[in-house]
Protein backbone atom coordinates (compact mmCIF):
# COMPACT_ATOMS: atom_id res chain seq x y z
CA MET A 1 11.18 -1.91 -19.68
CA ASN A 2 8.07 -4.06 -18.31
CA VAL A 3 8.37 -6.13 -14.97
CA SER A 4 6.84 -8.36 -14.18
CA LEU A 5 3.86 -7.85 -11.27
CA SER A 6 5.32 -10.88 -9.59
CA ASP A 7 8.74 -9.43 -10.09
CA VAL A 8 7.53 -6.03 -8.47
CA ILE A 9 6.18 -8.11 -5.33
CA LYS A 10 8.94 -9.89 -5.01
CA THR A 11 12.07 -6.99 -5.07
CA ARG A 12 9.82 -4.96 -2.53
CA ARG A 13 11.30 -3.92 0.60
CA SER A 14 11.97 -1.06 3.32
CA VAL A 15 14.59 1.02 2.11
CA ARG A 16 16.17 3.43 4.81
CA ALA A 17 19.28 4.80 3.15
CA TYR A 18 18.65 7.09 -0.01
CA LEU A 19 20.59 8.55 -2.35
CA ASP A 20 20.77 12.57 -2.54
CA LYS A 21 18.69 12.95 -5.64
CA PRO A 22 15.12 14.39 -5.49
CA VAL A 23 12.23 12.41 -7.23
CA GLU A 24 10.65 14.21 -10.07
CA ASP A 25 7.34 15.50 -9.55
CA LYS A 26 6.07 13.36 -12.25
CA LEU A 27 7.12 9.87 -10.93
CA ILE A 28 5.89 10.74 -7.53
CA GLU A 29 2.01 11.78 -9.34
CA GLU A 30 2.18 8.86 -11.02
CA ILE A 31 2.74 6.48 -7.80
CA VAL A 32 -0.02 8.39 -5.59
CA GLU A 33 -2.36 7.54 -8.59
CA ALA A 34 -1.85 4.19 -8.28
CA ALA A 35 -2.54 4.68 -4.37
CA ARG A 36 -5.79 6.58 -5.71
CA LEU A 37 -6.86 3.94 -8.27
CA ALA A 38 -7.11 1.30 -5.14
CA PRO A 39 -10.32 0.01 -4.64
CA SER A 40 -12.16 0.95 -1.21
CA ALA A 41 -15.35 0.35 0.89
CA CYS A 42 -18.40 1.77 -1.21
CA ASN A 43 -16.03 3.53 -3.43
CA SER A 44 -15.39 6.21 -0.55
CA GLN A 45 -11.71 6.66 -1.05
CA PRO A 46 -10.32 7.88 2.40
CA TRP A 47 -7.27 8.62 1.33
CA ARG A 48 -5.45 11.67 1.56
CA PHE A 49 -1.41 12.22 0.51
CA VAL A 50 0.54 15.04 1.96
CA VAL A 51 3.72 15.04 -0.13
CA VAL A 52 6.39 16.56 1.95
CA THR A 53 9.38 17.56 -0.21
CA ASP A 54 10.77 20.72 1.78
CA LYS A 55 13.86 19.79 3.57
CA ASP A 56 12.87 22.14 6.32
CA ILE A 57 9.63 20.34 6.75
CA LYS A 58 11.13 16.63 6.33
CA ASN A 59 14.07 17.71 9.02
CA ARG A 60 11.55 18.68 11.60
CA ILE A 61 9.37 15.57 10.90
CA THR A 62 12.30 13.24 11.30
CA GLU A 63 13.17 15.88 14.76
CA LYS A 64 9.80 16.03 16.24
CA VAL A 65 7.81 13.42 14.74
CA LEU A 66 10.24 10.58 14.06
CA ASN A 67 11.92 10.41 17.36
CA GLY A 68 10.53 7.62 19.36
CA ILE A 69 12.00 6.73 22.33
CA PHE A 70 12.16 3.17 21.12
CA LEU A 71 12.60 3.31 17.15
CA PRO A 72 14.31 6.46 16.10
CA ASN A 73 14.15 7.18 12.56
CA THR A 74 17.18 9.05 12.02
CA TRP A 75 17.99 7.26 8.56
CA ALA A 76 14.51 9.01 7.30
CA LYS A 77 16.70 12.06 6.86
CA THR A 78 17.91 10.44 3.83
CA ALA A 79 14.91 10.09 1.90
CA PRO A 80 13.85 13.17 -0.57
CA VAL A 81 9.91 12.31 0.03
CA ILE A 82 8.35 11.28 2.44
CA ILE A 83 4.68 10.96 1.98
CA ALA A 84 1.88 11.48 4.94
CA VAL A 85 -0.92 8.94 3.99
CA CYS A 86 -4.02 9.79 6.02
CA ALA A 87 -7.69 8.90 5.88
CA GLU A 88 -11.10 10.79 5.82
CA LEU A 89 -12.81 9.79 8.85
CA SER A 90 -16.08 11.27 8.43
CA PHE A 91 -17.67 8.21 5.53
CA VAL A 92 -20.85 6.98 6.67
CA PRO A 93 -19.95 3.17 5.76
CA HIS A 94 -16.71 3.17 7.90
CA THR A 95 -18.53 4.60 10.70
CA ALA A 96 -21.17 2.31 10.83
CA ALA A 97 -18.99 -0.77 10.19
CA SER A 98 -16.74 0.63 12.99
CA ASN A 99 -19.73 1.06 15.66
CA LEU A 100 -21.62 -2.09 14.65
CA LYS A 101 -18.88 -4.71 13.85
CA ARG A 102 -15.75 -2.96 15.45
CA THR A 103 -14.29 -3.28 11.62
CA LYS A 104 -12.11 -0.12 10.30
CA LEU A 105 -13.26 -0.36 7.24
CA HIS A 106 -10.41 2.68 6.48
CA LEU A 107 -7.96 0.78 7.50
CA LEU A 108 -8.34 -2.04 5.27
CA ASP A 109 -8.72 0.61 2.44
CA ILE A 110 -5.97 2.97 3.43
CA GLY A 111 -3.40 -0.65 3.49
CA ILE A 112 -4.62 -1.59 -0.27
CA ALA A 113 -4.05 2.15 -1.12
CA ILE A 114 -0.39 2.01 0.64
CA GLU A 115 0.43 -1.04 -1.18
CA GLN A 116 -0.31 0.15 -4.41
CA LEU A 117 1.50 2.57 -3.78
CA VAL A 118 5.07 1.04 -2.57
CA LEU A 119 4.72 -1.30 -5.35
CA LYS A 120 4.31 1.49 -8.22
CA ALA A 121 7.42 2.81 -6.71
CA THR A 122 9.23 -0.20 -6.51
CA GLU A 123 8.32 -1.22 -10.18
CA LEU A 124 9.71 2.60 -10.79
CA GLY A 125 12.77 1.63 -9.67
CA LEU A 126 12.21 3.80 -6.29
CA GLY A 127 12.63 2.40 -2.99
CA THR A 128 10.12 2.98 0.06
CA CYS A 129 9.85 2.25 4.27
CA ILE A 130 6.09 2.46 5.63
CA ILE A 131 6.08 3.85 9.17
CA GLY A 132 3.90 2.96 11.72
CA TRP A 133 5.68 4.63 15.15
CA PHE A 134 5.26 8.43 14.86
CA ASN A 135 3.81 11.43 17.00
CA GLY A 136 0.77 12.25 15.25
CA LYS A 137 0.06 15.56 17.61
CA THR A 138 3.21 16.95 16.29
CA LEU A 139 2.72 15.84 12.69
CA ARG A 140 -0.80 17.46 12.92
CA LYS A 141 0.26 20.54 13.65
CA LEU A 142 3.68 20.39 11.60
CA LEU A 143 1.39 19.83 8.34
CA ASN A 144 -1.79 21.35 9.53
CA ILE A 145 -4.41 18.26 8.96
CA PRO A 146 -7.70 18.85 10.30
CA ASN A 147 -9.33 17.06 13.47
CA SER A 148 -11.43 15.16 10.71
CA ILE A 149 -8.19 13.68 9.43
CA GLN A 150 -6.22 10.85 10.76
CA THR A 151 -2.60 10.03 10.08
CA ILE A 152 -2.42 6.11 9.53
CA ALA A 153 1.63 6.20 7.87
CA LEU A 154 4.63 7.60 6.61
CA ILE A 155 6.24 6.42 3.47
CA THR A 156 9.75 7.55 3.20
CA LEU A 157 10.16 7.52 -0.87
CA GLY A 158 13.25 8.01 -3.14
CA TYR A 159 16.69 6.58 -5.36
CA PRO A 160 17.53 3.56 -2.92
CA GLU A 161 21.17 3.52 -1.96
CA GLU A 162 22.25 -0.23 -2.77
CA PRO A 163 19.65 -1.07 -5.88
CA LEU A 164 16.75 -3.51 -5.49
CA THR A 165 16.82 -6.59 -5.40
CA VAL A 166 14.84 -9.70 -4.62
CA ASN A 167 14.00 -9.67 -1.03
CA GLN A 168 16.27 -11.73 1.14
CA LYS A 169 14.17 -11.94 4.20
CA GLU A 170 12.85 -15.44 5.46
CA LYS A 171 9.46 -16.08 4.54
CA LEU A 172 6.73 -18.35 6.08
CA PRO A 173 6.32 -21.58 3.99
CA LEU A 174 2.79 -21.73 2.18
CA GLU A 175 2.18 -24.75 4.39
CA LYS A 176 2.62 -22.45 7.46
CA ILE A 177 -0.15 -20.02 6.15
CA LEU A 178 -2.72 -21.51 3.71
CA PHE A 179 -5.89 -23.74 5.09
CA TRP A 180 -8.24 -24.87 2.88
CA ASN A 181 -11.65 -25.47 4.03
CA LYS A 182 -10.86 -24.90 7.94
CA TYR A 183 -8.18 -23.24 9.86
CA LYS A 184 -6.10 -26.42 11.10
């Protein structure tokens, strides 16, 4: 079944309830491959992915890493997979851009890779949720992430409890966000 990119974009949404069904390794590799093919500044490819499928480690992540005061993410326990999306910080173009222009190129690069990852997951009928609020220090210890690597996001992945349909969240109309030639 071929699904158009437009349909995938319209269908992709944050999923916070998953079926108790493992995701096949082949599908996980296909999803990470989509992220690997993302463009990056000077082809630096700063992304690194730690895929967690072990139930004990996932439980420790949800209990110790996602236990935010404001947004406890206990629903993440239902996800059969949690992916830690990390960035290698030692690339010269990233360091130079950060120091000279205050532009965090690694964040742009990782953002593109994450979007390709979640869109591929959607195409394959899987749900995802990108989590940016987590205890990075605890996660670093738990997953043995070196100091030269920064964890940017966690992504839950699995078969959604509810079928994926067109995202019904209200979006700003195009005329509110699109400007021609000058910002108005």
